[in-house]
Structure formats: structure tokens, C-alpha cells
Amino acid sequence: MSPDPRNSSQAITTISVRIKTGEGASGGVDHYRVAVYLGITGREYFLGRSDINDFQVGSDDIYVLGDGANVMHPDENDPRKPQRHFGDLRHEPVYLRFRASDETPEDLWHLAAAEVTVTGADGSTVSYSADIGADGIWLGSQAGQLVHLSLGHMETASSSKSRASDRALKTAITPVAWR
């Protein structure tokens, strides 16, 4: 078993968030009027992209914070400013928060799935996911605005390299007829 990267002071370089919106008839929202935030490492980050219509019915989009950012306001939503570390993941909850607009406070958003991957400077990763079941969860002012994410897979850079070299060795010594 590899060591827990959350025990290190490794600098976080990138946080990627994959969000799937449900297929329900009113599951999507007007992205100009709502906001979705990721809470992680003791702060919140705004999830919104200018190149897509965020959180629409059936959408499956990735939001990148930090290195390679694709979100609006990348400098204000950067885990490197101030620098966040893997150790910060141990002390704070990880969650998504939905905020409807003042004009349409009754808006609901159907979250089908959420996955977060935190990557460190050495390539170590820690992932989180929303445990919301096959039917997803509705978020809004009348349904609750927050969903916590659970710890998933952890991988140190050295364990990832070890597995890759093990696969290469296995491939090299496996007879062609067995491949």
C-alpha cells in the first residue's frame, strides 16, 4: 500500500472537477444566473467556463483550476494563490455548493455525478467523488445547496511509476501468444 499523499506538504498544482448534470426535464440551469462552487483545502473555488453553457441537462464537463486552467477568473480560482498543499486536504471537507440567482431562487439543479482529482507538483493524486446514487441529487434553496464528496483513490508519484514499470516488465516477459 502506498503512503497517503495527504500526509505530505506537497504543493497542489491542479484541481480538476468533472460534473455531470442529470437528464431530468428541469435538471439544468441558466449558467448566467447560478453559481456552483467547489469547497476544498479550506476555501471555495468558482466553477464556471465561458466556452460552454454550464450545468445544462445531460452535460458532462470538466473544470480545471490551477495549472492548465479553463475556468473563468483563473487567477482568483487557483489553488496555487495562495499555495495549497496536500496536507490541507486532511483538515477540511470537500464539497460542491449550488447557489441559485436572486432572480430565480426556486431554481433546482440535478447533479448526476461529481469527481474531483487533486494533483501535486510531483504527480501524486488524490480523488474524491459524490456518493449520490444512480438517481443523482437535486440541489436548490428548497432542497439543500451542498453535497459533500468522499475520499476515493490516492496515488503517490512513486507508486504510479512502480505500477507502470511492473506493467512494462510483464508485457516484456509475456509470450506473444498469450497477449
Protein backbone atom coordinates (compact mmCIF):
# COMPACT_ATOMS: atom_id res chain seq x y z
CA MET A 1 0.00 0.00 0.00
CA SER A 2 1.40 3.38 -0.96
CA PRO A 3 1.69 6.19 1.58
CA ASP A 4 -1.14 8.68 1.86
CA PRO A 5 -0.15 11.81 -0.12
CA ARG A 6 -2.34 13.86 2.23
CA ASN A 7 0.35 13.39 4.87
CA SER A 8 2.82 15.37 2.78
CA SER A 9 3.48 19.06 2.31
CA GLN A 10 3.38 18.52 -1.47
CA ALA A 11 2.20 21.65 -3.31
CA ILE A 12 -1.08 21.31 -5.21
CA THR A 13 -0.74 22.39 -8.83
CA THR A 14 -4.07 21.39 -10.35
CA ILE A 15 -7.60 20.54 -9.28
CA SER A 16 -9.88 19.11 -11.94
CA VAL A 17 -13.61 18.73 -11.40
CA ARG A 18 -15.84 16.59 -13.59
CA ILE A 19 -19.54 17.42 -13.23
CA LYS A 20 -22.41 15.56 -14.87
CA THR A 21 -25.84 17.16 -14.84
CA GLY A 22 -28.85 14.84 -14.82
CA GLU A 23 -31.25 14.19 -17.64
CA GLY A 24 -34.33 15.40 -15.73
CA ALA A 25 -36.68 17.76 -17.59
CA SER A 26 -35.65 20.73 -15.47
CA GLY A 27 -32.26 19.41 -14.33
CA GLY A 28 -30.16 22.09 -16.00
CA VAL A 29 -29.92 25.76 -15.14
CA ASP A 30 -29.17 29.08 -16.79
CA HIS A 31 -25.42 29.35 -16.23
CA TYR A 32 -25.54 33.16 -16.25
CA ARG A 33 -27.77 33.16 -13.17
CA VAL A 34 -26.48 30.37 -10.93
CA ALA A 35 -23.16 29.55 -9.34
CA VAL A 36 -21.52 26.27 -8.39
CA TYR A 37 -18.56 26.27 -6.04
CA LEU A 38 -16.02 23.63 -5.03
CA GLY A 39 -15.02 23.73 -1.38
CA ILE A 40 -11.61 22.15 -0.80
CA THR A 41 -8.43 22.89 1.18
CA GLY A 42 -10.24 25.41 3.34
CA ARG A 43 -11.58 27.69 0.62
CA GLU A 44 -14.14 27.82 -2.20
CA TYR A 45 -13.49 27.97 -5.94
CA PHE A 46 -15.99 29.22 -8.52
CA LEU A 47 -16.74 26.66 -11.23
CA GLY A 48 -17.73 28.30 -14.46
CA ARG A 49 -16.43 28.30 -18.01
CA SER A 50 -17.01 30.93 -20.68
CA ASP A 51 -16.74 28.45 -23.57
CA ILE A 52 -19.75 26.29 -22.60
CA ASN A 53 -23.24 26.70 -21.20
CA ASP A 54 -22.52 25.26 -17.75
CA PHE A 55 -24.73 22.76 -15.90
CA GLN A 56 -27.23 22.06 -18.68
CA VAL A 57 -29.37 18.91 -18.83
CA GLY A 58 -27.19 15.95 -19.80
CA SER A 59 -23.91 17.90 -19.71
CA ASP A 60 -20.63 16.26 -18.70
CA ASP A 61 -17.94 18.91 -18.29
CA ILE A 62 -14.51 19.29 -16.71
CA TYR A 63 -13.40 22.38 -14.83
CA VAL A 64 -9.65 22.86 -14.29
CA LEU A 65 -8.23 25.07 -11.54
CA GLY A 66 -4.53 25.94 -11.37
CA ASP A 67 -2.09 24.68 -13.99
CA GLY A 68 -3.91 24.48 -17.36
CA ALA A 69 -6.98 26.33 -16.02
CA ASN A 70 -10.09 26.53 -18.18
CA VAL A 71 -12.36 28.31 -15.68
CA MET A 72 -13.45 31.93 -15.72
CA HIS A 73 -11.36 34.12 -13.41
CA PRO A 74 -8.43 31.65 -13.34
CA ASP A 75 -6.20 33.85 -11.16
CA GLU A 76 -8.84 34.17 -8.45
CA ASN A 77 -9.63 30.43 -8.61
CA ASP A 78 -6.12 29.00 -8.40
CA PRO A 79 -5.02 26.57 -5.64
CA ARG A 80 -1.50 27.99 -6.05
CA LYS A 81 -2.65 31.50 -4.98
CA PRO A 82 -2.21 31.22 -2.06
CA GLN A 83 -0.40 27.92 -2.39
CA ARG A 84 -2.45 24.98 -1.09
CA HIS A 85 -0.84 21.67 -0.08
CA PHE A 86 -1.88 18.02 0.14
CA GLY A 87 -1.83 18.32 3.94
CA ASP A 88 -4.66 20.88 3.65
CA LEU A 89 -6.89 18.08 2.32
CA ARG A 90 -6.84 16.33 5.70
CA HIS A 91 -8.37 19.16 7.69
CA GLU A 92 -11.25 20.48 5.62
CA PRO A 93 -14.34 18.96 3.98
CA VAL A 94 -14.62 18.64 0.21
CA TYR A 95 -17.99 19.69 -1.20
CA LEU A 96 -19.96 21.25 -4.06
CA ARG A 97 -22.29 24.14 -3.29
CA PHE A 98 -25.08 25.34 -5.57
CA ARG A 99 -26.41 28.90 -5.39
CA ALA A 100 -29.49 29.92 -7.34
CA SER A 101 -29.77 33.50 -8.54
CA ASP A 102 -31.71 36.18 -6.71
CA GLU A 103 -33.99 36.46 -9.77
CA THR A 104 -34.85 32.74 -9.78
CA PRO A 105 -34.39 31.47 -6.20
CA GLU A 106 -36.62 28.46 -6.95
CA ASP A 107 -34.10 27.03 -9.46
CA LEU A 108 -33.12 23.41 -8.88
CA TRP A 109 -30.04 21.68 -10.31
CA HIS A 110 -29.91 17.91 -10.85
CA LEU A 111 -26.38 16.74 -10.05
CA ALA A 112 -25.83 13.28 -11.56
CA ALA A 113 -22.15 12.79 -10.67
CA ALA A 114 -19.10 14.68 -9.48
CA GLU A 115 -15.45 13.67 -9.40
CA VAL A 116 -12.53 15.77 -8.17
CA THR A 117 -8.86 15.00 -8.79
CA VAL A 118 -6.15 16.92 -6.96
CA THR A 119 -2.68 16.74 -8.50
CA GLY A 120 0.58 17.68 -6.81
CA ALA A 121 3.83 19.02 -8.20
CA ASP A 122 5.35 15.51 -8.25
CA GLY A 123 2.34 13.93 -10.00
CA SER A 124 0.73 12.46 -6.87
CA THR A 125 -3.07 12.45 -6.97
CA VAL A 126 -5.97 12.29 -4.55
CA SER A 127 -9.53 11.91 -5.81
CA TYR A 128 -12.98 12.49 -4.37
CA SER A 129 -16.47 11.68 -5.63
CA ALA A 130 -20.05 12.41 -4.70
CA ASP A 131 -21.86 9.40 -3.28
CA ILE A 132 -25.30 10.32 -4.62
CA GLY A 133 -26.56 7.07 -6.14
CA ALA A 134 -27.89 6.30 -9.58
CA ASP A 135 -30.70 8.86 -9.37
CA GLY A 136 -28.42 11.79 -8.54
CA ILE A 137 -29.43 14.56 -6.18
CA TRP A 138 -31.40 17.77 -6.58
CA LEU A 139 -29.83 20.93 -5.17
CA GLY A 140 -31.54 24.27 -4.59
CA SER A 141 -32.81 26.64 -1.93
CA GLN A 142 -35.72 24.28 -1.15
CA ALA A 143 -33.71 21.03 -1.47
CA GLY A 144 -30.36 21.82 0.17
CA GLN A 145 -27.46 23.51 -1.53
CA LEU A 146 -24.50 21.38 -0.51
CA VAL A 147 -23.21 17.88 -1.27
CA HIS A 148 -20.07 16.50 0.37
CA LEU A 149 -17.62 14.40 -1.60
CA SER A 150 -15.97 11.25 -0.27
CA LEU A 151 -12.32 10.32 -0.47
CA GLY A 152 -11.61 7.98 -3.35
CA HIS A 153 -8.33 6.88 -4.87
CA MET A 154 -4.90 8.09 -3.71
CA GLU A 155 -1.68 7.59 -5.59
CA THR A 156 1.82 8.86 -4.94
CA ALA A 157 4.02 9.64 -7.90
CA SER A 158 6.39 6.80 -6.93
CA SER A 159 3.59 4.19 -6.74
CA SER A 160 2.32 5.26 -10.16
CA LYS A 161 5.81 4.84 -11.63
CA SER A 162 6.19 1.43 -9.96
CA ARG A 163 2.93 0.15 -11.46
CA ALA A 164 3.91 1.44 -14.91
CA SER A 165 7.29 -0.32 -14.74
CA ASP A 166 5.59 -3.52 -13.48
CA ARG A 167 3.22 -3.42 -16.48
CA ALA A 168 6.14 -2.84 -18.86
CA LEU A 169 8.06 -5.78 -17.38
CA LYS A 170 5.01 -8.05 -17.53
CA THR A 171 4.46 -7.09 -21.16
CA ALA A 172 8.13 -7.70 -21.99
CA ILE A 173 8.21 -11.21 -20.49
CA THR A 174 4.76 -12.40 -21.60
CA PRO A 175 4.97 -14.60 -24.69
CA VAL A 176 3.38 -13.06 -27.76
CA ALA A 177 0.85 -15.92 -27.99
CA TRP A 178 -0.50 -15.01 -24.53
CA ARG A 179 -1.09 -11.33 -25.22
